[in-house]
């Protein structure tokens, strides 16, 4: 489907930018008006994304709703967008969280409200753009756009004590990865251009080019480092706990729910299909790092005395599962990996919102400061319990579906890794339930906890949509698995086909070299005999 009549994907991507323009005309002192304008913008964006979902053909593996226009024709740069079953739900997750983040920050952010909302809207543009871009140059532009608003969210509205440290650390890590990826993008542009005579950044065309094995190794390594930092995978995760802990609540939610998915999505969309031979060769040690991340993240989460930091380290463990399923390169593993990206966005995003709610009331996140909150906040306790169980992977909730599929897919290829990773589910139950018990149950010993108010209607409204999807995915995952299945099967076939094509080219080169070498030796022998 080329050049659709109405550019739905462009609309979804740039509606938040329209919201920025509207905010510029509103007085900065009118906080309510600013928030309502941003909220309506995000709601419209979500509705348009639902229209795109309605137009999506869930039986097709092809890219859909494609928009393709030349941008810089001489350099092979095009404005090309499209979605398939892999990116569809990541776009929907992003647009769903948009209005929820505005609602969640309604009382939390009281200074520089206008600038804060502008940052959120800009961030939304970058995040959606990354998921829909089908041109490497366009993808890189959106990738970089996200960096500045996220830096400002942490550095301006974060915890005053260490916000600058966390913001700079986040930027330095991301920039290093981005520069490596930029070098790799330029390399593949010139290698493919030299090989075909057509210089282009069009991702779908680059998929077809069989990059030489040695070049694949170096370019995969560069993409791997960029995406592994973003995920973040062990041992590239050290920026994450600081960024999560020092960011405002909404910053942590966006970071956990969507920004971390940029790395995992990057592996599926770029690193693996562009360099399948290198990716398959590297699969066992990528899975090894994923398994280490699962166990390490769980153990470190277990000893945290700060609720927010505990949830942050749990992300390292959960995203280890995502990477394990992805590099198992089986249908079940990949579907589990994608559904677990969505699950992590819902569950961990909700947990950060919950932590933000008790922080607004007590201005502390230390577990020892709480205890017995279920007695004074029963509604809060119910939401907290469900999202905790979702994160643990209780059957009937979303987390179970993702982890089950991942372990199923991984067991086919790496049974030892799958068995060791299964212990991560047990550790998750230990640290999450232990934290919940210390915060919500027991005797109220701190007088400040006796007067805490239960959830407000606004807070219920923020968490309710996430709760619906947590149960929906857990009870009937087919709604989400069916549309992604054709794309996942096509992805695996495409990777195997390209891997075989590259090997054929390499073998042909070797045969040609042997033939050439044989001719030379024969010729030399003939010359030598003539001289004698």
Foldseek 3Di string as FASTA:
>chain_A
DEADPDQLLVCLLCLLVVLLVVLVPDDQVPLVVNLVSQLVSLVVSLVSLVVVVVVADLQDQDWPSWYWACDPVVQAFIAIWTAALLLSVLSNLLSVCRNLLSLLCSPVDDPPSSLLSNLSSQLSSLLSQCSTGQFPVSNLVSLVSNLVSLLCQQQPSWAVPCSNVLSVVLNVQLVQLSVLLVVLLVVLQVQVCVVPVDRHRRNVVLLPDQDAQVNLQSSLVSLLSNLCLQLPFPPNPVSQLSSQRGGALSSNLCSFQGRSVSSLVCCLRPNCSNRVVNLLVCLVVQLVSLLCQLVVLLVVLQPDQFQRSSLRSLSSNLSSLLSLLVSLLDLLSPLLSSLSSNLRSLLSSLSSSLLNVVCVQVVGRGLQQAAQLCVAAVVSLVLLVLSLVLSLQDQLWSNVSSNVSNLVSNCVRPVVSSVSSVVSSVSSCNRSVVSSNSHHHDDGPNPSSNPDHYDDPSSCVSNVVSSVNRNCCNPPVCVSSSSCSSNSVVSSVSSVVSSVVNVVVVVVVVVVVVVVVVVVVVVVVVVVVVVD
